[in-house]
Amino acid sequence: MLRPAAITLSTLAMIASSATAAITGVSGQTTWLGVNPASATFGSLTGPNVYAWDEKTNITTTGVWADMINNPANESSAIPGVVAGTFDSHFLHLDNPNGFFGTSGSVTFSSQIVAVFFRAVNLDNTDALFGNNTTTYDTFYPLRGLNAASMFSINNNLLKFNLTALAPTAEMIELRVLTHSVPAPGAALLLGLGCLAAARRRRG
């Protein structure tokens, strides 16, 4: 039988290892990818659904320009500005060469949305910083981002969208979302782990 200290150590270790924010649910015409795709370039990830996946975690920036830094908000009320801190990033991608009106749905995250990038220049500027290292993005492709026929809104940790890919235009609708990164274990937790380990050694 495990000693109480051993059980507590195990529990604390599990908490420490799971410190990350992520997509927790989707609805509507959304395909939730459990692993990041090899490519998000034009023509490589197509279909009538929006693809959503988690990118990097615990990325620290001293300042990056975002298209939306207010929450709640929608695309027409977006306030652009600089965000700085430690964040987790996530991506939404729609590439439908046949066009489809009213691709709608939602994505829920485990922590609050801090910023959204939806213009081509700001997606380009953040691909290297926040994009998956094993995913090829269409950086500098001019027809990426949010078009005039599409809309989305955010409220706390929920993003709702109604997106339209306009055929036969060779465009991709893409959004990059930053959420608050779950804090790493604090000093008190680390001290507790040390004390428990010392207690086990004394009893052993």
Protein backbone atom coordinates (compact mmCIF):
# COMPACT_ATOMS: atom_id res chain seq x y z
CA MET A 1 0.00 0.00 0.00
CA LEU A 2 1.28 3.46 -0.85
CA ARG A 3 2.03 5.81 2.00
CA PRO A 4 -0.05 9.03 2.14
CA ALA A 5 3.04 11.08 1.26
CA ALA A 6 3.62 9.01 -1.87
CA ILE A 7 0.03 9.50 -3.00
CA THR A 8 0.27 13.24 -2.45
CA LEU A 9 3.54 13.45 -4.35
CA SER A 10 2.01 11.60 -7.26
CA THR A 11 -1.02 13.88 -7.32
CA LEU A 12 1.10 17.03 -7.21
CA ALA A 13 3.35 15.73 -9.97
CA MET A 14 0.32 15.11 -12.18
CA ILE A 15 -0.90 18.67 -11.57
CA ALA A 16 2.52 20.06 -12.43
CA SER A 17 2.78 18.09 -15.67
CA SER A 18 -0.67 19.14 -16.92
CA ALA A 19 -0.12 22.91 -16.77
CA THR A 20 -1.27 23.95 -20.22
CA ALA A 21 -4.27 25.58 -21.89
CA ALA A 22 -5.93 23.83 -24.82
CA ILE A 23 -9.02 23.41 -26.94
CA THR A 24 -11.59 21.58 -24.83
CA GLY A 25 -14.54 21.34 -27.22
CA VAL A 26 -15.97 22.27 -30.62
CA SER A 27 -19.42 22.48 -32.18
CA GLY A 28 -21.03 22.84 -35.59
CA GLN A 29 -18.90 22.56 -38.73
CA THR A 30 -15.61 22.21 -36.88
CA THR A 31 -13.05 19.41 -37.17
CA TRP A 32 -10.91 19.24 -34.05
CA LEU A 33 -7.46 17.87 -34.86
CA GLY A 34 -5.84 16.06 -31.97
CA VAL A 35 -2.42 16.48 -33.56
CA ASN A 36 -1.13 19.39 -35.60
CA PRO A 37 -1.23 18.93 -39.40
CA ALA A 38 1.93 18.65 -41.49
CA SER A 39 0.79 21.53 -43.69
CA ALA A 40 -1.68 24.41 -43.54
CA THR A 41 -0.75 25.80 -46.96
CA PHE A 42 -3.34 26.50 -49.63
CA GLY A 43 -4.82 23.28 -51.03
CA SER A 44 -3.34 20.96 -48.41
CA LEU A 45 -6.12 20.96 -45.80
CA THR A 46 -9.41 21.45 -47.60
CA GLY A 47 -13.07 20.77 -47.03
CA PRO A 48 -16.30 22.42 -45.94
CA ASN A 49 -15.36 22.33 -42.24
CA VAL A 50 -13.12 24.60 -40.19
CA TYR A 51 -10.07 22.77 -38.85
CA ALA A 52 -8.95 23.67 -35.32
CA TRP A 53 -5.83 22.63 -33.45
CA ASP A 54 -3.53 23.64 -30.61
CA GLU A 55 -0.20 25.20 -31.50
CA LYS A 56 2.51 26.11 -28.96
CA THR A 57 2.27 26.39 -25.19
CA ASN A 58 3.92 28.72 -22.69
CA ILE A 59 5.34 31.09 -25.31
CA THR A 60 6.61 34.38 -23.89
CA THR A 61 6.67 37.57 -25.93
CA THR A 62 7.72 41.08 -24.95
CA GLY A 63 5.16 42.50 -27.36
CA VAL A 64 3.36 41.46 -30.54
CA TRP A 65 0.67 43.30 -32.52
CA ALA A 66 -2.73 41.59 -32.54
CA ASP A 67 -5.93 42.41 -34.44
CA MET A 68 -8.17 41.96 -31.38
CA ILE A 69 -7.18 42.42 -27.74
CA ASN A 70 -10.62 43.11 -26.23
CA ASN A 71 -12.87 40.38 -24.83
CA PRO A 72 -15.82 40.13 -25.31
CA ALA A 73 -15.80 41.39 -28.89
CA ASN A 74 -16.58 40.59 -32.50
CA GLU A 75 -14.65 41.33 -35.67
CA SER A 76 -16.42 44.65 -36.24
CA SER A 77 -15.73 45.87 -32.70
CA ALA A 78 -12.17 44.53 -32.52
CA ILE A 79 -9.61 46.75 -30.82
CA PRO A 80 -6.08 46.09 -32.15
CA GLY A 81 -3.02 46.49 -29.98
CA VAL A 82 0.09 44.98 -28.48
CA VAL A 83 -0.03 41.97 -26.16
CA ALA A 84 2.86 40.85 -24.00
CA GLY A 85 3.27 37.94 -21.62
CA THR A 86 3.16 34.16 -21.70
CA PHE A 87 0.46 32.54 -23.83
CA ASP A 88 -0.74 29.36 -25.49
CA SER A 89 -1.67 29.54 -29.17
CA HIS A 90 -4.35 27.82 -31.25
CA PHE A 91 -5.33 27.90 -34.92
CA LEU A 92 -8.51 27.86 -37.04
CA HIS A 93 -8.27 27.15 -40.77
CA LEU A 94 -10.86 27.05 -43.59
CA ASP A 95 -9.83 26.23 -47.15
CA ASN A 96 -12.82 25.28 -49.29
CA PRO A 97 -12.09 25.65 -53.02
CA ASN A 98 -15.77 25.07 -53.87
CA GLY A 99 -17.02 27.83 -51.62
CA PHE A 100 -19.62 27.33 -48.89
CA PHE A 101 -21.86 29.92 -47.28
CA GLY A 102 -22.46 29.75 -43.57
CA THR A 103 -19.71 27.50 -42.24
CA SER A 104 -20.60 28.01 -38.60
CA GLY A 105 -19.59 26.60 -35.26
CA SER A 106 -17.58 27.30 -32.14
CA VAL A 107 -14.37 26.44 -30.33
CA THR A 108 -14.05 26.38 -26.54
CA PHE A 109 -10.70 26.77 -24.77
CA SER A 110 -9.66 25.84 -21.25
CA SER A 111 -8.67 29.42 -20.42
CA GLN A 112 -9.68 32.95 -21.41
CA ILE A 113 -8.97 34.30 -24.90
CA VAL A 114 -6.44 37.12 -24.79
CA ALA A 115 -5.96 38.04 -28.45
CA VAL A 116 -6.90 37.06 -31.99
CA PHE A 117 -4.92 37.53 -35.22
CA PHE A 118 -7.03 37.55 -38.38
CA ARG A 119 -5.24 39.79 -40.88
CA ALA A 120 -2.67 38.33 -43.26
CA VAL A 121 0.20 40.55 -42.11
CA ASN A 122 -0.28 39.67 -38.44
CA LEU A 123 -0.70 35.96 -39.17
CA ASP A 124 2.55 36.16 -41.17
CA ASN A 125 4.32 37.95 -38.32
CA THR A 126 3.32 35.31 -35.75
CA ASP A 127 3.74 32.06 -37.70
CA ALA A 128 7.31 31.53 -36.48
CA LEU A 129 6.62 32.58 -32.88
CA PHE A 130 3.33 30.81 -32.21
CA GLY A 131 2.97 28.26 -35.03
CA ASN A 132 3.84 24.59 -34.61
CA ASN A 133 7.41 23.81 -35.59
CA THR A 134 6.25 20.74 -37.54
CA THR A 135 3.46 22.52 -39.45
CA THR A 136 4.15 24.41 -42.68
CA TYR A 137 2.15 27.65 -42.78
CA ASP A 138 1.45 29.73 -45.88
CA THR A 139 3.45 32.70 -44.58
CA PHE A 140 3.28 35.68 -46.97
CA TYR A 141 0.39 34.13 -48.91
CA PRO A 142 -1.72 37.25 -49.60
CA LEU A 143 -5.16 35.60 -49.54
CA ARG A 144 -5.22 34.39 -45.96
CA GLY A 145 -7.05 35.78 -42.95
CA LEU A 146 -10.62 36.96 -42.46
CA ASN A 147 -12.59 38.15 -45.50
CA ALA A 148 -15.44 40.65 -45.59
CA ALA A 149 -18.06 37.90 -45.86
CA SER A 150 -16.99 36.20 -42.61
CA MET A 151 -17.54 37.01 -38.96
CA PHE A 152 -16.65 35.74 -35.50
CA SER A 153 -17.01 36.70 -31.87
CA ILE A 154 -15.28 35.88 -28.59
CA ASN A 155 -16.57 35.85 -25.04
CA ASN A 156 -14.35 34.68 -22.20
CA ASN A 157 -13.05 31.28 -23.45
CA LEU A 158 -15.53 30.76 -26.32
CA LEU A 159 -15.05 31.68 -29.98
CA LYS A 160 -18.06 31.50 -32.33
CA PHE A 161 -17.71 31.83 -36.10
CA ASN A 162 -19.66 32.07 -39.34
CA LEU A 163 -17.13 31.90 -42.16
CA THR A 164 -17.49 32.01 -45.94
CA ALA A 165 -14.84 30.90 -48.41
CA LEU A 166 -15.58 32.71 -51.68
CA ALA A 167 -15.14 30.44 -54.69
CA PRO A 168 -13.36 30.55 -57.05
CA THR A 169 -11.02 32.89 -55.11
CA ALA A 170 -7.92 31.03 -53.92
CA GLU A 171 -8.26 32.20 -50.34
CA MET A 172 -7.95 30.70 -46.88
CA ILE A 173 -9.77 31.98 -43.83
CA GLU A 174 -7.46 31.68 -40.83
CA LEU A 175 -7.50 32.83 -37.22
CA ARG A 176 -4.78 32.51 -34.59
CA VAL A 177 -6.03 32.63 -31.00
CA LEU A 178 -3.96 33.32 -27.89
CA THR A 179 -5.18 32.18 -24.49
CA HIS A 180 -3.83 32.71 -21.00
CA SER A 181 -1.17 30.13 -20.26
CA VAL A 182 -1.81 28.06 -17.15
CA PRO A 183 0.79 29.12 -14.56
CA ALA A 184 3.68 26.77 -13.87
CA PRO A 185 3.80 25.26 -10.37
CA GLY A 186 4.44 28.03 -7.83
CA ALA A 187 6.99 28.24 -5.10
CA ALA A 188 4.57 26.84 -2.53
CA LEU A 189 3.94 23.73 -4.61
CA LEU A 190 7.65 23.17 -5.19
CA LEU A 191 8.34 23.64 -1.49
CA GLY A 192 5.61 21.15 -0.67
CA LEU A 193 7.14 18.59 -3.00
CA GLY A 194 10.51 19.07 -1.33
CA CYS A 195 9.10 18.73 2.18
CA LEU A 196 7.17 15.59 1.29
CA ALA A 197 10.23 14.03 -0.27
CA ALA A 198 12.29 14.86 2.83
CA ALA A 199 9.63 13.36 5.07
CA ARG A 200 9.67 10.15 3.07
CA ARG A 201 13.46 9.92 3.37
CA ARG A 202 13.29 10.40 7.18
CA ARG A 203 10.68 7.67 7.53
CA GLY A 204 12.56 5.37 5.18
